[in-house]
Amino acid sequence: MAKRKIVIALGGNALGNNVKEQQEAVAKTAKVIVDLIERGDDLIITHGNGPQVGMIQKAMDKLYLEDPANQIPLPYSVAMSQGYIGIDLQNAVKYELLARGIDKKVSTILSQVEVDPADPAFSNPTKPIGSFLTKEQADKLEAQGITCMEDAGRGYRQVVASPMPMRIRELETIKTLVGAGHVVITCGGGGIPVVSDPHGRLVGSNAVIDKDNASSLLAACLGADFLVILTAVEKVAINFGKPNQEWLSDLTVAQAKQYIEEEQFAKGSMLPKVEAAIRFAESGEGRSALITLLDKAADGIAGKTGTVIHK
């Protein structure tokens, strides 16, 4: 079997919600990853960071409320989450490789992902982050130019933009490590969002990049054969939750776009995953994306389950 280059985008169920859960979850996740490594594939791993960056940002918010001089911008919290998740995942994969007698390096790369400051998403921030706030606290942040919104009757929260990723700034480093045979963990939480200033310096942006969009871009830039997006269901479905629900095994890009027009996929759930899969499938010949469960990843890549999206 020819060696394949595979980008695997781990969902939240592969990471847990706190330190103990994360360590237990990544130990199980590592077994799936090393199963694929044993088949001879080159793996690049990305991951979400929702619970983790939320926990970090809440701690940073508390510091800010105690003393505004302690304010920590969101990009720093994303960077912290990349390191915090990356070290547990890296060590879990290393330990599993060692247990199977496989000599392979594992590297975590803190990654900055450039976005366009003119992206329309910045004009309509919708992604809630951090702690719940009182009206008074929210008004104080609004006065500083930070957008806040009432969140489902539970209080106010800061909201930020979710722009499209344009460029992965550590791409050449990632390519070098993959070429040297490393398992690379990168683009955690969609990457640290940055913009380039007029002098070419990178400046953190108060935004959240969708993990699957960043993974799709990374896979395309690396010339991967497969993008695997792991989620909470084994396959994508149309008419989800209805009596005529239908699980889908194989989708062309054209079919997937038609289902999007029919609004078959939930906006905050399956839709961004299908859109990211389409972008990767369209990025080059012979490229396919798979959406499935973590423990079905190997079977999905072998064509036995999951939903495959291709040209």
C-alpha atoms as a PDB file:
ATOM      1  CA  MET A   1       0.000   0.000   0.000  1.00  0.00           C
ATOM      2  CA  ALA A   2       1.382   3.423  -0.976  1.00  0.00           C
ATOM      3  CA  LYS A   3       2.137   5.841   1.857  1.00  0.00           C
ATOM      4  CA  ARG A   4      -0.553   8.486   2.253  1.00  0.00           C
ATOM      5  CA  LYS A   5      -0.428  11.926   3.812  1.00  0.00           C
ATOM      6  CA  ILE A   6      -3.421  12.381   6.107  1.00  0.00           C
ATOM      7  CA  VAL A   7      -4.558  15.423   8.088  1.00  0.00           C
ATOM      8  CA  ILE A   8      -6.775  14.432  11.007  1.00  0.00           C
ATOM      9  CA  ALA A   9      -8.911  17.140  12.625  1.00  0.00           C
ATOM     10  CA  LEU A  10      -9.833  16.007  16.128  1.00  0.00           C
ATOM     11  CA  GLY A  11     -13.127  17.120  17.604  1.00  0.00           C
ATOM     12  CA  GLY A  12     -13.893  17.990  21.216  1.00  0.00           C
ATOM     13  CA  ASN A  13     -14.870  14.409  22.087  1.00  0.00           C
ATOM     14  CA  ALA A  14     -11.245  13.426  21.495  1.00  0.00           C
ATOM     15  CA  LEU A  15      -9.966  15.901  24.114  1.00  0.00           C
ATOM     16  CA  GLY A  16     -12.292  16.092  27.118  1.00  0.00           C
ATOM     17  CA  ASN A  17     -13.365  19.185  29.067  1.00  0.00           C
ATOM     18  CA  ASN A  18     -10.778  19.491  31.853  1.00  0.00           C
ATOM     19  CA  VAL A  19      -7.287  18.280  32.716  1.00  0.00           C
ATOM     20  CA  LYS A  20      -8.295  14.828  33.974  1.00  0.00           C
ATOM     21  CA  GLU A  21     -10.770  14.225  31.148  1.00  0.00           C
ATOM     22  CA  GLN A  22      -8.235  15.453  28.593  1.00  0.00           C
ATOM     23  CA  GLN A  23      -5.521  13.081  29.761  1.00  0.00           C
ATOM     24  CA  GLU A  24      -7.949  10.144  29.680  1.00  0.00           C
ATOM     25  CA  ALA A  25      -9.334  11.161  26.272  1.00  0.00           C
ATOM     26  CA  VAL A  26      -5.976  11.666  24.542  1.00  0.00           C
ATOM     27  CA  ALA A  27      -4.773   8.249  25.725  1.00  0.00           C
ATOM     28  CA  LYS A  28      -7.681   6.695  23.787  1.00  0.00           C
ATOM     29  CA  THR A  29      -7.191   9.066  20.855  1.00  0.00           C
ATOM     30  CA  ALA A  30      -3.511   8.141  20.654  1.00  0.00           C
ATOM     31  CA  LYS A  31      -4.390   4.486  20.039  1.00  0.00           C
ATOM     32  CA  VAL A  32      -6.435   5.431  16.958  1.00  0.00           C
ATOM     33  CA  ILE A  33      -3.650   7.688  15.690  1.00  0.00           C
ATOM     34  CA  VAL A  34      -0.955   5.049  16.151  1.00  0.00           C
ATOM     35  CA  ASP A  35      -3.150   2.443  14.415  1.00  0.00           C
ATOM     36  CA  LEU A  36      -2.909   4.667  11.321  1.00  0.00           C
ATOM     37  CA  ILE A  37       0.810   5.256  11.796  1.00  0.00           C
ATOM     38  CA  GLU A  38       1.341   1.465  11.872  1.00  0.00           C
ATOM     39  CA  ARG A  39      -0.189   1.338   8.380  1.00  0.00           C
ATOM     40  CA  GLY A  40       2.654   3.547   7.169  1.00  0.00           C
ATOM     41  CA  ASP A  41       0.723   6.790   6.726  1.00  0.00           C
ATOM     42  CA  ASP A  42       2.170  10.246   7.425  1.00  0.00           C
ATOM     43  CA  LEU A  43      -0.089  11.971   9.944  1.00  0.00           C
ATOM     44  CA  ILE A  44      -0.639  15.628  10.700  1.00  0.00           C
ATOM     45  CA  ILE A  45      -3.002  16.258  13.605  1.00  0.00           C
ATOM     46  CA  THR A  46      -5.126  19.328  14.255  1.00  0.00           C
ATOM     47  CA  HIS A  47      -7.592  19.798  17.073  1.00  0.00           C
ATOM     48  CA  GLY A  48     -10.288  21.974  18.539  1.00  0.00           C
ATOM     49  CA  ASN A  49      -9.871  23.934  21.766  1.00  0.00           C
ATOM     50  CA  GLY A  50     -13.371  25.073  22.770  1.00  0.00           C
ATOM     51  CA  PRO A  51     -13.516  23.934  26.413  1.00  0.00           C
ATOM     52  CA  GLN A  52      -9.812  24.558  26.968  1.00  0.00           C
ATOM     53  CA  VAL A  53      -9.620  28.096  25.588  1.00  0.00           C
ATOM     54  CA  GLY A  54     -12.887  28.873  27.371  1.00  0.00           C
ATOM     55  CA  MET A  55     -11.353  27.810  30.683  1.00  0.00           C
ATOM     56  CA  ILE A  56      -8.238  29.876  30.025  1.00  0.00           C
ATOM     57  CA  GLN A  57     -10.191  32.924  28.894  1.00  0.00           C
ATOM     58  CA  LYS A  58     -12.413  32.797  31.983  1.00  0.00           C
ATOM     59  CA  ALA A  59      -9.316  32.875  34.167  1.00  0.00           C
ATOM     60  CA  MET A  60      -7.977  35.799  32.144  1.00  0.00           C
ATOM     61  CA  ASP A  61     -11.323  37.609  32.435  1.00  0.00           C
ATOM     62  CA  LYS A  62     -11.215  37.230  36.209  1.00  0.00           C
ATOM     63  CA  LEU A  63      -7.750  38.759  36.308  1.00  0.00           C
ATOM     64  CA  TYR A  64      -8.953  41.635  34.144  1.00  0.00           C
ATOM     65  CA  LEU A  65     -11.949  42.353  36.378  1.00  0.00           C
ATOM     66  CA  GLU A  66      -9.618  42.459  39.396  1.00  0.00           C
ATOM     67  CA  ASP A  67      -7.167  44.757  37.640  1.00  0.00           C
ATOM     68  CA  PRO A  68      -7.545  46.016  34.026  1.00  0.00           C
ATOM     69  CA  ALA A  69      -3.743  46.100  33.737  1.00  0.00           C
ATOM     70  CA  ASN A  70      -3.854  42.288  33.687  1.00  0.00           C
ATOM     71  CA  GLN A  71      -5.830  42.056  30.434  1.00  0.00           C
ATOM     72  CA  ILE A  72      -4.668  39.152  28.251  1.00  0.00           C
ATOM     73  CA  PRO A  73      -5.756  39.325  24.577  1.00  0.00           C
ATOM     74  CA  LEU A  74      -7.588  36.328  23.125  1.00  0.00           C
ATOM     75  CA  PRO A  75      -4.743  35.269  20.768  1.00  0.00           C
ATOM     76  CA  TYR A  76      -2.573  34.612  23.846  1.00  0.00           C
ATOM     77  CA  SER A  77      -5.286  32.382  25.304  1.00  0.00           C
ATOM     78  CA  VAL A  78      -5.406  30.440  22.009  1.00  0.00           C
ATOM     79  CA  ALA A  79      -1.612  30.058  22.170  1.00  0.00           C
ATOM     80  CA  MET A  80      -1.855  28.793  25.753  1.00  0.00           C
ATOM     81  CA  SER A  81      -4.491  26.251  24.721  1.00  0.00           C
ATOM     82  CA  GLN A  82      -2.304  25.010  21.851  1.00  0.00           C
ATOM     83  CA  GLY A  83       0.519  24.294  24.282  1.00  0.00           C
ATOM     84  CA  TYR A  84      -1.718  22.831  26.974  1.00  0.00           C
ATOM     85  CA  ILE A  85      -3.492  20.438  24.609  1.00  0.00           C
ATOM     86  CA  GLY A  86      -0.435  19.777  22.463  1.00  0.00           C
ATOM     87  CA  ILE A  87       1.782  18.519  25.281  1.00  0.00           C
ATOM     88  CA  ASP A  88      -0.823  15.998  26.496  1.00  0.00           C
ATOM     89  CA  LEU A  89      -1.584  14.788  22.969  1.00  0.00           C
ATOM     90  CA  GLN A  90       2.094  14.667  21.996  1.00  0.00           C
ATOM     91  CA  ASN A  91       3.038  12.636  25.065  1.00  0.00           C
ATOM     92  CA  ALA A  92       0.065  10.268  24.672  1.00  0.00           C
ATOM     93  CA  VAL A  93       1.057   9.507  21.072  1.00  0.00           C
ATOM     94  CA  LYS A  94       4.715   9.096  22.088  1.00  0.00           C
ATOM     95  CA  TYR A  95       3.799   6.647  24.865  1.00  0.00           C
ATOM     96  CA  GLU A  96       1.592   4.615  22.530  1.00  0.00           C
ATOM     97  CA  LEU A  97       4.352   4.489  19.893  1.00  0.00           C
ATOM     98  CA  LEU A  98       6.833   3.365  22.554  1.00  0.00           C
ATOM     99  CA  ALA A  99       4.437   0.669  23.784  1.00  0.00           C
ATOM    100  CA  ARG A 100       4.296  -0.743  20.253  1.00  0.00           C
ATOM    101  CA  GLY A 101       8.043  -0.510  19.678  1.00  0.00           C
ATOM    102  CA  ILE A 102       7.755   2.184  17.008  1.00  0.00           C
ATOM    103  CA  ASP A 103      10.578   4.728  16.783  1.00  0.00           C
ATOM    104  CA  LYS A 104       8.923   7.881  15.479  1.00  0.00           C
ATOM    105  CA  LYS A 105       9.170  11.515  16.542  1.00  0.00           C
ATOM    106  CA  VAL A 106       6.168  13.597  17.562  1.00  0.00           C
ATOM    107  CA  SER A 107       6.283  17.402  17.454  1.00  0.00           C
ATOM    108  CA  THR A 108       3.813  20.112  18.452  1.00  0.00           C
ATOM    109  CA  ILE A 109       4.060  23.390  16.530  1.00  0.00           C
ATOM    110  CA  LEU A 110       2.414  26.515  17.919  1.00  0.00           C
ATOM    111  CA  SER A 111       0.922  27.966  14.774  1.00  0.00           C
ATOM    112  CA  GLN A 112      -0.194  31.425  13.707  1.00  0.00           C
ATOM    113  CA  VAL A 113      -2.863  31.629  11.031  1.00  0.00           C
ATOM    114  CA  GLU A 114      -3.185  34.861   9.099  1.00  0.00           C
ATOM    115  CA  VAL A 115      -6.616  36.314   8.420  1.00  0.00           C
ATOM    116  CA  ASP A 116      -7.747  39.265   6.317  1.00  0.00           C
ATOM    117  CA  PRO A 117      -8.493  42.343   8.464  1.00  0.00           C
ATOM    118  CA  ALA A 118     -11.105  43.261   5.821  1.00  0.00           C
ATOM    119  CA  ASP A 119     -12.919  39.911   6.207  1.00  0.00           C
ATOM    120  CA  PRO A 120     -16.664  40.662   6.483  1.00  0.00           C
ATOM    121  CA  ALA A 121     -16.765  38.519   9.637  1.00  0.00           C
ATOM    122  CA  PHE A 122     -15.121  41.365  11.544  1.00  0.00           C
ATOM    123  CA  SER A 123     -18.164  43.527  10.851  1.00  0.00           C
ATOM    124  CA  ASN A 124     -20.469  40.915  12.353  1.00  0.00           C
ATOM    125  CA  PRO A 125     -18.822  39.187  15.336  1.00  0.00           C
ATOM    126  CA  THR A 126     -20.945  36.231  16.427  1.00  0.00           C
ATOM    127  CA  LYS A 127     -18.677  33.797  18.316  1.00  0.00           C
ATOM    128  CA  PRO A 128     -19.252  34.018  22.116  1.00  0.00           C
ATOM    129  CA  ILE A 129     -16.179  33.544  24.303  1.00  0.00           C
ATOM    130  CA  GLY A 130     -15.200  33.802  27.935  1.00  0.00           C
ATOM    131  CA  SER A 131     -17.227  34.334  31.081  1.00  0.00           C
ATOM    132  CA  PHE A 132     -20.787  35.532  31.447  1.00  0.00           C
ATOM    133  CA  LEU A 133     -20.908  39.223  32.316  1.00  0.00           C
ATOM    134  CA  THR A 134     -23.323  41.584  33.996  1.00  0.00           C
ATOM    135  CA  LYS A 135     -24.833  44.405  31.972  1.00  0.00           C
ATOM    136  CA  GLU A 136     -22.503  46.833  33.750  1.00  0.00           C
ATOM    137  CA  GLN A 137     -19.418  44.758  32.910  1.00  0.00           C
ATOM    138  CA  ALA A 138     -20.550  44.373  29.296  1.00  0.00           C
ATOM    139  CA  ASP A 139     -21.129  48.130  28.971  1.00  0.00           C
ATOM    140  CA  LYS A 140     -17.613  48.753  30.294  1.00  0.00           C
ATOM    141  CA  LEU A 141     -16.144  46.491  27.617  1.00  0.00           C
ATOM    142  CA  GLU A 142     -18.357  48.036  24.923  1.00  0.00           C
ATOM    143  CA  ALA A 143     -16.964  51.445  25.866  1.00  0.00           C
ATOM    144  CA  GLN A 144     -13.506  50.040  25.058  1.00  0.00           C
ATOM    145  CA  GLY A 145     -14.672  48.883  21.623  1.00  0.00           C
ATOM    146  CA  ILE A 146     -15.199  45.232  22.620  1.00  0.00           C
ATOM    147  CA  THR A 147     -18.487  43.817  21.296  1.00  0.00           C
ATOM    148  CA  CYS A 148     -20.740  42.028  23.796  1.00  0.00           C
ATOM    149  CA  MET A 149     -24.122  40.364  23.304  1.00  0.00           C
ATOM    150  CA  GLU A 150     -26.786  38.921  25.539  1.00  0.00           C
ATOM    151  CA  ASP A 151     -26.522  35.121  25.423  1.00  0.00           C
ATOM    152  CA  ALA A 152     -29.790  33.150  25.676  1.00  0.00           C
ATOM    153  CA  GLY A 153     -30.980  34.904  28.825  1.00  0.00           C
ATOM    154  CA  ARG A 154     -27.938  33.786  30.811  1.00  0.00           C
ATOM    155  CA  GLY A 155     -26.094  37.089  30.816  1.00  0.00           C
ATOM    156  CA  TYR A 156     -23.776  38.941  28.484  1.00  0.00           C
ATOM    157  CA  ARG A 157     -20.658  37.593  26.784  1.00  0.00           C
ATOM    158  CA  GLN A 158     -17.955  39.003  24.607  1.00  0.00           C
ATOM    159  CA  VAL A 159     -18.348  38.011  20.959  1.00  0.00           C
ATOM    160  CA  VAL A 160     -15.607  37.917  18.360  1.00  0.00           C
ATOM    161  CA  ALA A 161     -15.352  37.382  14.617  1.00  0.00           C
ATOM    162  CA  SER A 162     -14.693  34.027  12.969  1.00  0.00           C
ATOM    163  CA  PRO A 163     -12.818  34.973   9.765  1.00  0.00           C
ATOM    164  CA  MET A 164     -11.600  32.576   7.102  1.00  0.00           C
ATOM    165  CA  PRO A 165      -7.955  31.461   7.375  1.00  0.00           C
ATOM    166  CA  MET A 166      -5.703  32.770   4.597  1.00  0.00           C
ATOM    167  CA  ARG A 167      -2.176  31.610   5.384  1.00  0.00           C
ATOM    168  CA  ILE A 168      -0.476  29.309   7.901  1.00  0.00           C
ATOM    169  CA  ARG A 169       2.669  31.183   8.858  1.00  0.00           C
ATOM    170  CA  GLU A 170       4.567  28.144  10.182  1.00  0.00           C
ATOM    171  CA  LEU A 171       3.791  26.079   7.071  1.00  0.00           C
ATOM    172  CA  GLU A 172       7.412  25.578   5.987  1.00  0.00           C
ATOM    173  CA  THR A 173       8.369  24.345   9.457  1.00  0.00           C
ATOM    174  CA  ILE A 174       5.448  21.913   9.384  1.00  0.00           C
ATOM    175  CA  LYS A 175       6.474  20.689   5.911  1.00  0.00           C
ATOM    176  CA  THR A 176      10.061  20.148   7.073  1.00  0.00           C
ATOM    177  CA  LEU A 177       9.006  18.078  10.071  1.00  0.00           C
ATOM    178  CA  VAL A 178       6.516  15.998   8.062  1.00  0.00           C
ATOM    179  CA  GLY A 179       9.233  15.408   5.475  1.00  0.00           C
ATOM    180  CA  ALA A 180      11.558  14.239   8.260  1.00  0.00           C
ATOM    181  CA  GLY A 181       8.996  11.644   9.329  1.00  0.00           C
ATOM    182  CA  HIS A 182       7.561  13.396  12.375  1.00  0.00           C
ATOM    183  CA  VAL A 183       3.960  13.140  13.480  1.00  0.00           C
ATOM    184  CA  VAL A 184       3.045  16.842  13.655  1.00  0.00           C
ATOM    185  CA  ILE A 185       0.404  18.395  15.910  1.00  0.00           C
ATOM    186  CA  THR A 186      -0.474  21.902  14.762  1.00  0.00           C
ATOM    187  CA  CYS A 187      -3.170  24.508  14.000  1.00  0.00           C
ATOM    188  CA  GLY A 188      -4.795  23.838  17.390  1.00  0.00           C
ATOM    189  CA  GLY A 189      -8.078  25.672  17.802  1.00  0.00           C
ATOM    190  CA  GLY A 190      -7.854  26.865  14.214  1.00  0.00           C
ATOM    191  CA  GLY A 191      -4.518  28.544  14.874  1.00  0.00           C
ATOM    192  CA  ILE A 192      -3.529  31.731  16.671  1.00  0.00           C
ATOM    193  CA  PRO A 193      -5.345  34.431  14.656  1.00  0.00           C
ATOM    194  CA  VAL A 194      -3.013  37.134  13.343  1.00  0.00           C
ATOM    195  CA  VAL A 195      -2.951  39.917  10.770  1.00  0.00           C
ATOM    196  CA  SER A 196       0.087  41.340   9.028  1.00  0.00           C
ATOM    197  CA  ASP A 197       0.779  45.020   9.715  1.00  0.00           C
ATOM    198  CA  PRO A 198       2.204  47.429   7.070  1.00  0.00           C
ATOM    199  CA  HIS A 199       5.737  46.509   8.188  1.00  0.00           C
ATOM    200  CA  GLY A 200       5.161  42.794   7.766  1.00  0.00           C
ATOM    201  CA  ARG A 201       4.942  42.103  11.494  1.00  0.00           C
ATOM    202  CA  LEU A 202       2.290  39.716  12.772  1.00  0.00           C
ATOM    203  CA  VAL A 203      -0.225  41.167  15.209  1.00  0.00           C
ATOM    204  CA  GLY A 204      -2.730  39.088  17.174  1.00  0.00           C
ATOM    205  CA  SER A 205      -6.350  39.472  16.125  1.00  0.00           C
ATOM    206  CA  ASN A 206      -9.311  39.241  18.499  1.00  0.00           C
ATOM    207  CA  ALA A 207     -10.963  36.416  16.597  1.00  0.00           C
ATOM    208  CA  VAL A 208     -11.591  32.674  16.550  1.00  0.00           C
ATOM    209  CA  ILE A 209     -10.744  30.642  13.436  1.00  0.00           C
ATOM    210  CA  ASP A 210     -12.846  27.582  12.710  1.00  0.00           C
ATOM    211  CA  LYS A 211     -10.724  24.490  13.296  1.00  0.00           C
ATOM    212  CA  ASP A 212     -12.081  22.609  10.276  1.00  0.00           C
ATOM    213  CA  ASN A 213     -11.461  25.553   7.929  1.00  0.00           C
ATOM    214  CA  ALA A 214      -7.864  25.802   9.145  1.00  0.00           C
ATOM    215  CA  SER A 215      -7.447  22.026   8.781  1.00  0.00           C
ATOM    216  CA  SER A 216      -8.770  22.143   5.224  1.00  0.00           C
ATOM    217  CA  LEU A 217      -6.299  24.894   4.336  1.00  0.00           C
ATOM    218  CA  LEU A 218      -3.420  23.005   5.980  1.00  0.00           C
ATOM    219  CA  ALA A 219      -4.277  19.772   4.165  1.00  0.00           C
ATOM    220  CA  ALA A 220      -4.428  21.570   0.817  1.00  0.00           C
ATOM    221  CA  CYS A 221      -1.113  23.358   1.400  1.00  0.00           C
ATOM    222  CA  LEU A 222       0.596  20.106   2.386  1.00  0.00           C
ATOM    223  CA  GLY A 223      -0.765  18.263  -0.638  1.00  0.00           C
ATOM    224  CA  ALA A 224      -2.467  15.719   1.606  1.00  0.00           C
ATOM    225  CA  ASP A 225      -4.334  12.770   0.173  1.00  0.00           C
ATOM    226  CA  PHE A 226      -6.991  12.739   2.883  1.00  0.00           C
ATOM    227  CA  LEU A 227      -8.571  15.226   5.247  1.00  0.00           C
ATOM    228  CA  VAL A 228     -10.321  13.401   8.086  1.00  0.00           C
ATOM    229  CA  ILE A 229     -12.782  15.498  10.092  1.00  0.00           C
ATOM    230  CA  LEU A 230     -13.803  13.689  13.254  1.00  0.00           C
ATOM    231  CA  THR A 231     -17.145  14.450  14.829  1.00  0.00           C
ATOM    232  CA  ALA A 232     -19.892  12.947  17.024  1.00  0.00           C
ATOM    233  CA  VAL A 233     -21.606  10.866  14.322  1.00  0.00           C
ATOM    234  CA  GLU A 234     -20.382   8.041  12.076  1.00  0.00           C
ATOM    235  CA  LYS A 235     -21.793   9.565   8.899  1.00  0.00           C
ATOM    236  CA  VAL A 236     -23.328  12.759   7.571  1.00  0.00           C
ATOM    237  CA  ALA A 237     -27.104  12.638   7.198  1.00  0.00           C
ATOM    238  CA  ILE A 238     -29.814  14.486   5.343  1.00  0.00           C
ATOM    239  CA  ASN A 239     -33.202  15.058   6.990  1.00  0.00           C
ATOM    240  CA  PHE A 240     -31.327  14.614  10.272  1.00  0.00           C
ATOM    241  CA  GLY A 241     -33.570  13.650  13.187  1.00  0.00           C
ATOM    242  CA  LYS A 242     -36.629  13.167  10.962  1.00  0.00           C
ATOM    243  CA  PRO A 243     -38.457   9.936  10.070  1.00  0.00           C
ATOM    244  CA  ASN A 244     -36.916  10.051   6.582  1.00  0.00           C
ATOM    245  CA  GLN A 245     -33.363  10.573   7.849  1.00  0.00           C
ATOM    246  CA  GLU A 246     -30.775   9.156   5.439  1.00  0.00           C
ATOM    247  CA  TRP A 247     -27.130   8.441   6.234  1.00  0.00           C
ATOM    248  CA  LEU A 248     -24.721   9.286   3.404  1.00  0.00           C
ATOM    249  CA  SER A 249     -21.649   7.224   2.547  1.00  0.00           C
ATOM    250  CA  ASP A 250     -20.417   8.920  -0.620  1.00  0.00           C
ATOM    251  CA  LEU A 251     -20.922  12.509  -1.771  1.00  0.00           C
ATOM    252  CA  THR A 252     -19.608  14.348  -4.776  1.00  0.00           C
ATOM    253  CA  VAL A 253     -18.834  18.019  -4.306  1.00  0.00           C
ATOM    254  CA  ALA A 254     -21.814  18.868  -6.507  1.00  0.00           C
ATOM    255  CA  GLN A 255     -24.163  16.751  -4.379  1.00  0.00           C
ATOM    256  CA  ALA A 256     -22.823  18.257  -1.164  1.00  0.00           C
ATOM    257  CA  LYS A 257     -23.352  21.781  -2.503  1.00  0.00           C
ATOM    258  CA  GLN A 258     -26.903  20.900  -3.482  1.00  0.00           C
ATOM    259  CA  TYR A 259     -27.647  19.683   0.040  1.00  0.00           C
ATOM    260  CA  ILE A 260     -26.171  22.904   1.428  1.00  0.00           C
ATOM    261  CA  GLU A 261     -28.551  24.898  -0.789  1.00  0.00           C
ATOM    262  CA  GLU A 262     -31.382  22.821   0.637  1.00  0.00           C
ATOM    263  CA  GLU A 263     -30.153  23.727   4.155  1.00  0.00           C
ATOM    264  CA  GLN A 264     -29.743  20.070   5.083  1.00  0.00           C
ATOM    265  CA  PHE A 265     -26.829  20.735   7.455  1.00  0.00           C
ATOM    266  CA  ALA A 266     -27.030  22.660  10.744  1.00  0.00           C
ATOM    267  CA  LYS A 267     -25.112  25.948  10.673  1.00  0.00           C
ATOM    268  CA  GLY A 268     -23.351  25.542  14.001  1.00  0.00           C
ATOM    269  CA  SER A 269     -22.670  21.846  13.622  1.00  0.00           C
ATOM    270  CA  MET A 270     -22.343  19.835  10.404  1.00  0.00           C
ATOM    271  CA  LEU A 271     -22.425  22.683   7.858  1.00  0.00           C
ATOM    272  CA  PRO A 272     -18.906  24.061   8.521  1.00  0.00           C
ATOM    273  CA  LYS A 273     -17.488  20.531   8.412  1.00  0.00           C
ATOM    274  CA  VAL A 274     -19.077  19.793   5.036  1.00  0.00           C
ATOM    275  CA  GLU A 275     -17.954  23.179   3.677  1.00  0.00           C
ATOM    276  CA  ALA A 276     -14.378  22.557   4.845  1.00  0.00           C
ATOM    277  CA  ALA A 277     -14.471  19.096   3.263  1.00  0.00           C
ATOM    278  CA  ILE A 278     -15.656  20.578  -0.044  1.00  0.00           C
ATOM    279  CA  ARG A 279     -12.854  23.139  -0.097  1.00  0.00           C
ATOM    280  CA  PHE A 280     -10.243  20.447   0.386  1.00  0.00           C
ATOM    281  CA  ALA A 281     -11.766  18.110  -2.209  1.00  0.00           C
ATOM    282  CA  GLU A 282     -11.752  20.984  -4.721  1.00  0.00           C
ATOM    283  CA  SER A 283      -8.143  21.966  -3.945  1.00  0.00           C
ATOM    284  CA  GLY A 284      -6.492  19.303  -6.110  1.00  0.00           C
ATOM    285  CA  GLU A 285      -6.947  16.089  -8.064  1.00  0.00           C
ATOM    286  CA  GLY A 286      -7.400  12.878  -6.146  1.00  0.00           C
ATOM    287  CA  ARG A 287      -8.153  14.577  -2.829  1.00  0.00           C
ATOM    288  CA  SER A 288     -10.940  13.275  -0.602  1.00  0.00           C
ATOM    289  CA  ALA A 289     -12.342  14.309   2.758  1.00  0.00           C
ATOM    290  CA  LEU A 290     -13.849  11.939   5.294  1.00  0.00           C
ATOM    291  CA  ILE A 291     -16.288  12.828   8.066  1.00  0.00           C
ATOM    292  CA  THR A 292     -16.755  10.191  10.763  1.00  0.00           C
ATOM    293  CA  LEU A 293     -16.246   9.148  14.388  1.00  0.00           C
ATOM    294  CA  LEU A 294     -12.809   8.959  15.993  1.00  0.00           C
ATOM    295  CA  ASP A 295     -12.914   5.183  16.500  1.00  0.00           C
ATOM    296  CA  LYS A 296     -14.082   4.685  12.901  1.00  0.00           C
ATOM    297  CA  ALA A 297     -11.255   6.711  11.326  1.00  0.00           C
ATOM    298  CA  ALA A 298      -9.226   3.721  10.119  1.00  0.00           C
ATOM    299  CA  ASP A 299     -12.297   1.980   8.692  1.00  0.00           C
ATOM    300  CA  GLY A 300     -13.377   5.234   7.061  1.00  0.00           C
ATOM    301  CA  ILE A 301     -10.031   5.729   5.358  1.00  0.00           C
ATOM    302  CA  ALA A 302     -10.294   2.115   4.168  1.00  0.00           C
ATOM    303  CA  GLY A 303     -13.681   2.958   2.612  1.00  0.00           C
ATOM    304  CA  LYS A 304     -15.740   0.875   5.041  1.00  0.00           C
ATOM    305  CA  THR A 305     -17.711   3.643   6.773  1.00  0.00           C
ATOM    306  CA  GLY A 306     -18.047   7.391   7.235  1.00  0.00           C
ATOM    307  CA  THR A 307     -18.995   9.960   4.606  1.00  0.00           C
ATOM    308  CA  VAL A 308     -16.453  10.588   1.856  1.00  0.00           C
ATOM    309  CA  ILE A 309     -16.643  13.861  -0.100  1.00  0.00           C
ATOM    310  CA  HIS A 310     -14.775  14.054  -3.394  1.00  0.00           C
ATOM    311  CA  LYS A 311     -14.944  15.671  -6.826  1.00  0.00           C
END
